[in-house]
Amino acid sequence: MAVVIAFARAQLGKRYESGGEGPNSFDCSGFTKRAYAQIGLRLPHSSSAQAARVRRVPRSTARPGDLVFGPGHVGVYMGGGM
């Protein structure tokens, strides 16, 4: 997951754009789609579709690189509660 984390950190400061998949702007699922593509995993461009494809784990066992979901949103867990 180090590659996913490195990709995520390299995107800091880029603009949010609905439907964006990079490289200059992203929406949440476009961002996670591109991050996981760095390690050869293909995700759909929809937070709900991504949520439907993952195995859920308790927050207490989340590891850096795990996807984190909220209502209509997805992100990458960076570790240390971030």
PDB file of N, CA and C in Angstrom:
ATOM      1  N   MET A   1       0.804  -1.204   0.000  1.00  0.00           N
ATOM      2  CA  MET A   1       0.000   0.000   0.000  1.00  0.00           C
ATOM      3  C   MET A   1       0.848   1.269   0.000  1.00  0.00           C
ATOM      4  N   ALA A   2       2.144   1.124   0.140  1.00  0.00           N
ATOM      5  CA  ALA A   2       3.015   2.301   0.132  1.00  0.00           C
ATOM      6  C   ALA A   2       2.867   3.093  -1.159  1.00  0.00           C
ATOM      7  N   VAL A   3       2.636   2.415  -2.273  1.00  0.00           N
ATOM      8  CA  VAL A   3       2.467   3.099  -3.564  1.00  0.00           C
ATOM      9  C   VAL A   3       1.164   3.900  -3.562  1.00  0.00           C
ATOM     10  N   VAL A   4       0.095   3.337  -3.005  1.00  0.00           N
ATOM     11  CA  VAL A   4      -1.193   4.044  -2.915  1.00  0.00           C
ATOM     12  C   VAL A   4      -1.037   5.291  -2.049  1.00  0.00           C
ATOM     13  N   ILE A   5      -0.384   5.149  -0.912  1.00  0.00           N
ATOM     14  CA  ILE A   5      -0.169   6.285  -0.004  1.00  0.00           C
ATOM     15  C   ILE A   5       0.684   7.356  -0.679  1.00  0.00           C
ATOM     16  N   ALA A   6       1.741   6.950  -1.353  1.00  0.00           N
ATOM     17  CA  ALA A   6       2.607   7.921  -2.034  1.00  0.00           C
ATOM     18  C   ALA A   6       1.840   8.662  -3.123  1.00  0.00           C
ATOM     19  N   PHE A   7       1.027   7.949  -3.880  1.00  0.00           N
ATOM     20  CA  PHE A   7       0.207   8.597  -4.902  1.00  0.00           C
ATOM     21  C   PHE A   7      -0.748   9.600  -4.251  1.00  0.00           C
ATOM     22  N   ALA A   8      -1.410   9.169  -3.173  1.00  0.00           N
ATOM     23  CA  ALA A   8      -2.368  10.040  -2.488  1.00  0.00           C
ATOM     24  C   ALA A   8      -1.691  11.322  -2.010  1.00  0.00           C
ATOM     25  N   ARG A   9      -0.542  11.188  -1.389  1.00  0.00           N
ATOM     26  CA  ARG A   9       0.172  12.376  -0.893  1.00  0.00           C
ATOM     27  C   ARG A   9       0.585  13.302  -2.026  1.00  0.00           C
ATOM     28  N   ALA A  10       0.932  12.740  -3.168  1.00  0.00           N
ATOM     29  CA  ALA A  10       1.362  13.553  -4.310  1.00  0.00           C
ATOM     30  C   ALA A  10       0.208  14.361  -4.912  1.00  0.00           C
ATOM     31  N   GLN A  11      -1.032  14.019  -4.556  1.00  0.00           N
ATOM     32  CA  GLN A  11      -2.192  14.719  -5.109  1.00  0.00           C
ATOM     33  C   GLN A  11      -2.669  15.875  -4.224  1.00  0.00           C
ATOM     34  N   LEU A  12      -2.070  16.039  -3.059  1.00  0.00           N
ATOM     35  CA  LEU A  12      -2.481  17.120  -2.153  1.00  0.00           C
ATOM     36  C   LEU A  12      -2.462  18.461  -2.877  1.00  0.00           C
ATOM     37  N   GLY A  13      -3.518  19.225  -2.677  1.00  0.00           N
ATOM     38  CA  GLY A  13      -3.612  20.551  -3.271  1.00  0.00           C
ATOM     39  C   GLY A  13      -4.287  20.574  -4.629  1.00  0.00           C
ATOM     40  N   LYS A  14      -4.576  19.407  -5.205  1.00  0.00           N
ATOM     41  CA  LYS A  14      -5.256  19.392  -6.498  1.00  0.00           C
ATOM     42  C   LYS A  14      -6.738  19.684  -6.301  1.00  0.00           C
ATOM     43  N   ARG A  15      -7.315  20.232  -7.310  1.00  0.00           N
ATOM     44  CA  ARG A  15      -8.690  20.723  -7.282  1.00  0.00           C
ATOM     45  C   ARG A  15      -9.704  19.578  -7.296  1.00  0.00           C
ATOM     46  N   TYR A  16     -10.819  19.759  -6.561  1.00  0.00           N
ATOM     47  CA  TYR A  16     -11.951  18.843  -6.621  1.00  0.00           C
ATOM     48  C   TYR A  16     -12.785  19.215  -7.834  1.00  0.00           C
ATOM     49  N   GLU A  17     -13.179  18.204  -8.608  1.00  0.00           N
ATOM     50  CA  GLU A  17     -14.067  18.415  -9.746  1.00  0.00           C
ATOM     51  C   GLU A  17     -14.974  17.208  -9.869  1.00  0.00           C
ATOM     52  N   SER A  18     -16.264  17.423  -9.863  1.00  0.00           N
ATOM     53  CA  SER A  18     -17.216  16.331 -10.010  1.00  0.00           C
ATOM     54  C   SER A  18     -16.907  15.571 -11.298  1.00  0.00           C
ATOM     55  N   GLY A  19     -16.753  14.265 -11.185  1.00  0.00           N
ATOM     56  CA  GLY A  19     -16.421  13.426 -12.335  1.00  0.00           C
ATOM     57  C   GLY A  19     -14.937  13.366 -12.648  1.00  0.00           C
ATOM     58  N   GLY A  20     -14.118  14.107 -11.897  1.00  0.00           N
ATOM     59  CA  GLY A  20     -12.686  14.166 -12.187  1.00  0.00           C
ATOM     60  C   GLY A  20     -11.945  12.889 -11.839  1.00  0.00           C
ATOM     61  N   GLU A  21     -11.061  12.473 -12.752  1.00  0.00           N
ATOM     62  CA  GLU A  21     -10.210  11.301 -12.537  1.00  0.00           C
ATOM     63  C   GLU A  21      -8.741  11.657 -12.658  1.00  0.00           C
ATOM     64  N   GLY A  22      -8.404  12.930 -12.582  1.00  0.00           N
ATOM     65  CA  GLY A  22      -7.018  13.361 -12.676  1.00  0.00           C
ATOM     66  C   GLY A  22      -6.629  13.633 -14.117  1.00  0.00           C
ATOM     67  N   PRO A  23      -5.434  14.060 -14.369  1.00  0.00           N
ATOM     68  CA  PRO A  23      -4.376  14.200 -13.384  1.00  0.00           C
ATOM     69  C   PRO A  23      -4.402  15.526 -12.638  1.00  0.00           C
ATOM     70  N   ASN A  24      -5.194  16.507 -13.110  1.00  0.00           N
ATOM     71  CA  ASN A  24      -5.168  17.834 -12.489  1.00  0.00           C
ATOM     72  C   ASN A  24      -6.286  18.073 -11.482  1.00  0.00           C
ATOM     73  N   SER A  25      -7.343  17.276 -11.532  1.00  0.00           N
ATOM     74  CA  SER A  25      -8.455  17.414 -10.591  1.00  0.00           C
ATOM     75  C   SER A  25      -9.127  16.055 -10.425  1.00  0.00           C
ATOM     76  N   PHE A  26      -9.770  15.895  -9.279  1.00  0.00           N
ATOM     77  CA  PHE A  26     -10.398  14.617  -8.942  1.00  0.00           C
ATOM     78  C   PHE A  26     -11.710  14.853  -8.216  1.00  0.00           C
ATOM     79  N   ASP A  27     -12.612  13.863  -8.305  1.00  0.00           N
ATOM     80  CA  ASP A  27     -13.657  13.743  -7.294  1.00  0.00           C
ATOM     81  C   ASP A  27     -13.208  12.582  -6.406  1.00  0.00           C
ATOM     82  N   CYS A  28     -13.963  12.281  -5.365  1.00  0.00           N
ATOM     83  CA  CYS A  28     -13.468  11.305  -4.388  1.00  0.00           C
ATOM     84  C   CYS A  28     -13.242   9.924  -4.995  1.00  0.00           C
ATOM     85  N   SER A  29     -14.208   9.424  -5.760  1.00  0.00           N
ATOM     86  CA  SER A  29     -14.046   8.077  -6.307  1.00  0.00           C
ATOM     87  C   SER A  29     -13.078   8.048  -7.481  1.00  0.00           C
ATOM     88  N   GLY A  30     -12.961   9.144  -8.207  1.00  0.00           N
ATOM     89  CA  GLY A  30     -11.951   9.224  -9.256  1.00  0.00           C
ATOM     90  C   GLY A  30     -10.554   9.181  -8.665  1.00  0.00           C
ATOM     91  N   PHE A  31     -10.407   9.833  -7.511  1.00  0.00           N
ATOM     92  CA  PHE A  31      -9.132   9.832  -6.789  1.00  0.00           C
ATOM     93  C   PHE A  31      -8.764   8.418  -6.334  1.00  0.00           C
ATOM     94  N   THR A  32      -9.696   7.723  -5.676  1.00  0.00           N
ATOM     95  CA  THR A  32      -9.384   6.384  -5.189  1.00  0.00           C
ATOM     96  C   THR A  32      -9.195   5.412  -6.350  1.00  0.00           C
ATOM     97  N   LYS A  33      -9.958   5.602  -7.421  1.00  0.00           N
ATOM     98  CA  LYS A  33      -9.792   4.772  -8.613  1.00  0.00           C
ATOM     99  C   LYS A  33      -8.374   4.889  -9.150  1.00  0.00           C
ATOM    100  N   ARG A  34      -7.872   6.120  -9.269  1.00  0.00           N
ATOM    101  CA  ARG A  34      -6.508   6.338  -9.778  1.00  0.00           C
ATOM    102  C   ARG A  34      -5.455   5.845  -8.784  1.00  0.00           C
ATOM    103  N   ALA A  35      -5.702   6.039  -7.501  1.00  0.00           N
ATOM    104  CA  ALA A  35      -4.727   5.599  -6.493  1.00  0.00           C
ATOM    105  C   ALA A  35      -4.535   4.086  -6.552  1.00  0.00           C
ATOM    106  N   TYR A  36      -5.613   3.351  -6.604  1.00  0.00           N
ATOM    107  CA  TYR A  36      -5.522   1.896  -6.634  1.00  0.00           C
ATOM    108  C   TYR A  36      -5.057   1.367  -7.980  1.00  0.00           C
ATOM    109  N   ALA A  37      -5.260   2.127  -9.049  1.00  0.00           N
ATOM    110  CA  ALA A  37      -4.738   1.730 -10.359  1.00  0.00           C
ATOM    111  C   ALA A  37      -3.213   1.666 -10.333  1.00  0.00           C
ATOM    112  N   GLN A  38      -2.599   2.430  -9.435  1.00  0.00           N
ATOM    113  CA  GLN A  38      -1.141   2.421  -9.310  1.00  0.00           C
ATOM    114  C   GLN A  38      -0.608   1.050  -8.925  1.00  0.00           C
ATOM    115  N   ILE A  39      -1.454   0.234  -8.299  1.00  0.00           N
ATOM    116  CA  ILE A  39      -1.023  -1.114  -7.910  1.00  0.00           C
ATOM    117  C   ILE A  39      -1.780  -2.188  -8.697  1.00  0.00           C
ATOM    118  N   GLY A  40      -2.395  -1.775  -9.798  1.00  0.00           N
ATOM    119  CA  GLY A  40      -3.044  -2.733 -10.684  1.00  0.00           C
ATOM    120  C   GLY A  40      -4.444  -3.148 -10.309  1.00  0.00           C
ATOM    121  N   LEU A  41      -5.069  -2.459  -9.353  1.00  0.00           N
ATOM    122  CA  LEU A  41      -6.449  -2.780  -8.976  1.00  0.00           C
ATOM    123  C   LEU A  41      -7.407  -1.829  -9.677  1.00  0.00           C
ATOM    124  N   ARG A  42      -8.406  -2.395 -10.317  1.00  0.00           N
ATOM    125  CA  ARG A  42      -9.376  -1.589 -11.042  1.00  0.00           C
ATOM    126  C   ARG A  42     -10.628  -1.396 -10.189  1.00  0.00           C
ATOM    127  N   LEU A  43     -10.963  -0.139  -9.951  1.00  0.00           N
ATOM    128  CA  LEU A  43     -12.165   0.200  -9.192  1.00  0.00           C
ATOM    129  C   LEU A  43     -13.113   0.981 -10.093  1.00  0.00           C
ATOM    130  N   PRO A  44     -14.407   0.869  -9.840  1.00  0.00           N
ATOM    131  CA  PRO A  44     -15.367   1.679 -10.598  1.00  0.00           C
ATOM    132  C   PRO A  44     -15.301   3.146 -10.153  1.00  0.00           C
ATOM    133  N   HIS A  45     -15.835   4.029 -10.981  1.00  0.00           N
ATOM    134  CA  HIS A  45     -15.829   5.456 -10.650  1.00  0.00           C
ATOM    135  C   HIS A  45     -17.160   5.824  -9.992  1.00  0.00           C
ATOM    136  N   SER A  46     -17.343   5.328  -8.788  1.00  0.00           N
ATOM    137  CA  SER A  46     -18.538   5.606  -7.983  1.00  0.00           C
ATOM    138  C   SER A  46     -18.243   5.157  -6.565  1.00  0.00           C
ATOM    139  N   SER A  47     -18.464   6.034  -5.590  1.00  0.00           N
ATOM    140  CA  SER A  47     -18.181   5.650  -4.203  1.00  0.00           C
ATOM    141  C   SER A  47     -19.063   4.489  -3.757  1.00  0.00           C
ATOM    142  N   SER A  48     -20.322   4.480  -4.172  1.00  0.00           N
ATOM    143  CA  SER A  48     -21.206   3.377  -3.759  1.00  0.00           C
ATOM    144  C   SER A  48     -20.808   2.073  -4.436  1.00  0.00           C
ATOM    145  N   ALA A  49     -20.370   2.127  -5.682  1.00  0.00           N
ATOM    146  CA  ALA A  49     -19.921   0.912  -6.369  1.00  0.00           C
ATOM    147  C   ALA A  49     -18.619   0.406  -5.755  1.00  0.00           C
ATOM    148  N   GLN A  50     -17.749   1.300  -5.342  1.00  0.00           N
ATOM    149  CA  GLN A  50     -16.526   0.882  -4.665  1.00  0.00           C
ATOM    150  C   GLN A  50     -16.862   0.244  -3.323  1.00  0.00           C
ATOM    151  N   ALA A  51     -17.786   0.840  -2.589  1.00  0.00           N
ATOM    152  CA  ALA A  51     -18.182   0.305  -1.279  1.00  0.00           C
ATOM    153  C   ALA A  51     -18.765  -1.099  -1.405  1.00  0.00           C
ATOM    154  N   ALA A  52     -19.455  -1.349  -2.508  1.00  0.00           N
ATOM    155  CA  ALA A  52     -20.071  -2.653  -2.707  1.00  0.00           C
ATOM    156  C   ALA A  52     -19.043  -3.747  -2.997  1.00  0.00           C
ATOM    157  N   ARG A  53     -17.824  -3.371  -3.357  1.00  0.00           N
ATOM    158  CA  ARG A  53     -16.810  -4.349  -3.770  1.00  0.00           C
ATOM    159  C   ARG A  53     -15.791  -4.673  -2.693  1.00  0.00           C
ATOM    160  N   VAL A  54     -15.845  -4.023  -1.563  1.00  0.00           N
ATOM    161  CA  VAL A  54     -14.785  -4.203  -0.566  1.00  0.00           C
ATOM    162  C   VAL A  54     -15.248  -5.043   0.622  1.00  0.00           C
ATOM    163  N   ARG A  55     -14.263  -5.571   1.324  1.00  0.00           N
ATOM    164  CA  ARG A  55     -14.530  -6.270   2.585  1.00  0.00           C
ATOM    165  C   ARG A  55     -14.446  -5.234   3.688  1.00  0.00           C
ATOM    166  N   ARG A  56     -15.456  -5.146   4.495  1.00  0.00           N
ATOM    167  CA  ARG A  56     -15.486  -4.155   5.581  1.00  0.00           C
ATOM    168  C   ARG A  56     -14.688  -4.645   6.781  1.00  0.00           C
ATOM    169  N   VAL A  57     -13.974  -3.704   7.398  1.00  0.00           N
ATOM    170  CA  VAL A  57     -13.204  -4.006   8.609  1.00  0.00           C
ATOM    171  C   VAL A  57     -13.540  -2.942   9.642  1.00  0.00           C
ATOM    172  N   PRO A  58     -13.424  -3.269  10.925  1.00  0.00           N
ATOM    173  CA  PRO A  58     -13.659  -2.255  11.956  1.00  0.00           C
ATOM    174  C   PRO A  58     -12.637  -1.122  11.846  1.00  0.00           C
ATOM    175  N   ARG A  59     -13.061   0.066  12.171  1.00  0.00           N
ATOM    176  CA  ARG A  59     -12.169   1.230  12.129  1.00  0.00           C
ATOM    177  C   ARG A  59     -10.898   0.976  12.935  1.00  0.00           C
ATOM    178  N   SER A  60     -11.032   0.251  14.030  1.00  0.00           N
ATOM    179  CA  SER A  60      -9.879  -0.008  14.903  1.00  0.00           C
ATOM    180  C   SER A  60      -8.807  -0.870  14.234  1.00  0.00           C
ATOM    181  N   THR A  61      -9.148  -1.577  13.172  1.00  0.00           N
ATOM    182  CA  THR A  61      -8.170  -2.419  12.483  1.00  0.00           C
ATOM    183  C   THR A  61      -7.791  -1.882  11.103  1.00  0.00           C
ATOM    184  N   ALA A  62      -8.244  -0.667  10.779  1.00  0.00           N
ATOM    185  CA  ALA A  62      -7.910  -0.077   9.475  1.00  0.00           C
ATOM    186  C   ALA A  62      -6.401   0.091   9.345  1.00  0.00           C
ATOM    187  N   ARG A  63      -5.913  -0.152   8.129  1.00  0.00           N
ATOM    188  CA  ARG A  63      -4.486  -0.011   7.838  1.00  0.00           C
ATOM    189  C   ARG A  63      -4.298   1.058   6.765  1.00  0.00           C
ATOM    190  N   PRO A  64      -3.159   1.724   6.760  1.00  0.00           N
ATOM    191  CA  PRO A  64      -2.897   2.719   5.717  1.00  0.00           C
ATOM    192  C   PRO A  64      -3.124   2.129   4.327  1.00  0.00           C
ATOM    193  N   GLY A  65      -3.862   2.882   3.524  1.00  0.00           N
ATOM    194  CA  GLY A  65      -4.203   2.436   2.179  1.00  0.00           C
ATOM    195  C   GLY A  65      -5.603   1.873   2.069  1.00  0.00           C
ATOM    196  N   ASP A  66      -6.233   1.544   3.202  1.00  0.00           N
ATOM    197  CA  ASP A  66      -7.615   1.066   3.158  1.00  0.00           C
ATOM    198  C   ASP A  66      -8.529   2.185   2.671  1.00  0.00           C
ATOM    199  N   LEU A  67      -9.601   1.798   1.998  1.00  0.00           N
ATOM    200  CA  LEU A  67     -10.621   2.776   1.627  1.00  0.00           C
ATOM    201  C   LEU A  67     -11.489   3.076   2.834  1.00  0.00           C
ATOM    202  N   VAL A  68     -11.883   4.337   2.956  1.00  0.00           N
ATOM    203  CA  VAL A  68     -12.745   4.790   4.048  1.00  0.00           C
ATOM    204  C   VAL A  68     -13.985   5.405   3.407  1.00  0.00           C
ATOM    205  N   PHE A  69     -15.156   4.966   3.861  1.00  0.00           N
ATOM    206  CA  PHE A  69     -16.410   5.413   3.254  1.00  0.00           C
ATOM    207  C   PHE A  69     -17.256   6.213   4.227  1.00  0.00           C
ATOM    208  N   GLY A  70     -17.930   7.208   3.704  1.00  0.00           N
ATOM    209  CA  GLY A  70     -18.942   7.969   4.409  1.00  0.00           C
ATOM    210  C   GLY A  70     -20.118   8.113   3.457  1.00  0.00           C
ATOM    211  N   PRO A  71     -21.190   8.735   3.862  1.00  0.00           N
ATOM    212  CA  PRO A  71     -22.343   8.876   2.963  1.00  0.00           C
ATOM    213  C   PRO A  71     -21.957   9.593   1.664  1.00  0.00           C
ATOM    214  N   GLY A  72     -21.968   8.848   0.569  1.00  0.00           N
ATOM    215  CA  GLY A  72     -21.660   9.414  -0.738  1.00  0.00           C
ATOM    216  C   GLY A  72     -20.218   9.842  -0.919  1.00  0.00           C
ATOM    217  N   HIS A  73     -19.317   9.296  -0.113  1.00  0.00           N
ATOM    218  CA  HIS A  73     -17.920   9.735  -0.174  1.00  0.00           C
ATOM    219  C   HIS A  73     -16.985   8.559   0.077  1.00  0.00           C
ATOM    220  N   VAL A  74     -15.772   8.653  -0.475  1.00  0.00           N
ATOM    221  CA  VAL A  74     -14.735   7.642  -0.261  1.00  0.00           C
ATOM    222  C   VAL A  74     -13.387   8.351  -0.204  1.00  0.00           C
ATOM    223  N   GLY A  75     -12.484   7.803   0.592  1.00  0.00           N
ATOM    224  CA  GLY A  75     -11.138   8.341   0.693  1.00  0.00           C
ATOM    225  C   GLY A  75     -10.167   7.224   1.026  1.00  0.00           C
ATOM    226  N   VAL A  76      -8.905   7.584   1.177  1.00  0.00           N
ATOM    227  CA  VAL A  76      -7.854   6.627   1.503  1.00  0.00           C
ATOM    228  C   VAL A  76      -7.390   6.892   2.942  1.00  0.00           C
ATOM    229  N   TYR A  77      -7.405   5.840   3.759  1.00  0.00           N
ATOM    230  CA  TYR A  77      -6.909   5.972   5.124  1.00  0.00           C
ATOM    231  C   TYR A  77      -5.402   6.089   5.074  1.00  0.00           C
ATOM    232  N   MET A  78      -4.858   7.121   5.698  1.00  0.00           N
ATOM    233  CA  MET A  78      -3.434   7.399   5.646  1.00  0.00           C
ATOM    234  C   MET A  78      -2.687   6.865   6.864  1.00  0.00           C
ATOM    235  N   GLY A  79      -3.425   6.381   7.865  1.00  0.00           N
ATOM    236  CA  GLY A  79      -2.804   5.922   9.106  1.00  0.00           C
ATOM    237  C   GLY A  79      -2.867   7.036  10.154  1.00  0.00           C
ATOM    238  N   GLY A  80      -2.638   6.683  11.384  1.00  0.00           N
ATOM    239  CA  GLY A  80      -2.624   7.656  12.464  1.00  0.00           C
ATOM    240  C   GLY A  80      -3.920   8.434  12.622  1.00  0.00           C
ATOM    241  N   GLY A  81      -5.043   7.796  12.289  1.00  0.00           N
ATOM    242  CA  GLY A  81      -6.340   8.458  12.400  1.00  0.00           C
ATOM    243  C   GLY A  81      -6.680   9.387  11.246  1.00  0.00           C
ATOM    244  N   MET A  82      -5.817   9.474  10.241  1.00  0.00           N
ATOM    245  CA  MET A  82      -6.065  10.370   9.089  1.00  0.00           C
ATOM    246  C   MET A  82      -6.621   9.607   7.917  1.00  0.00           C
TER     247      MET A  82
END
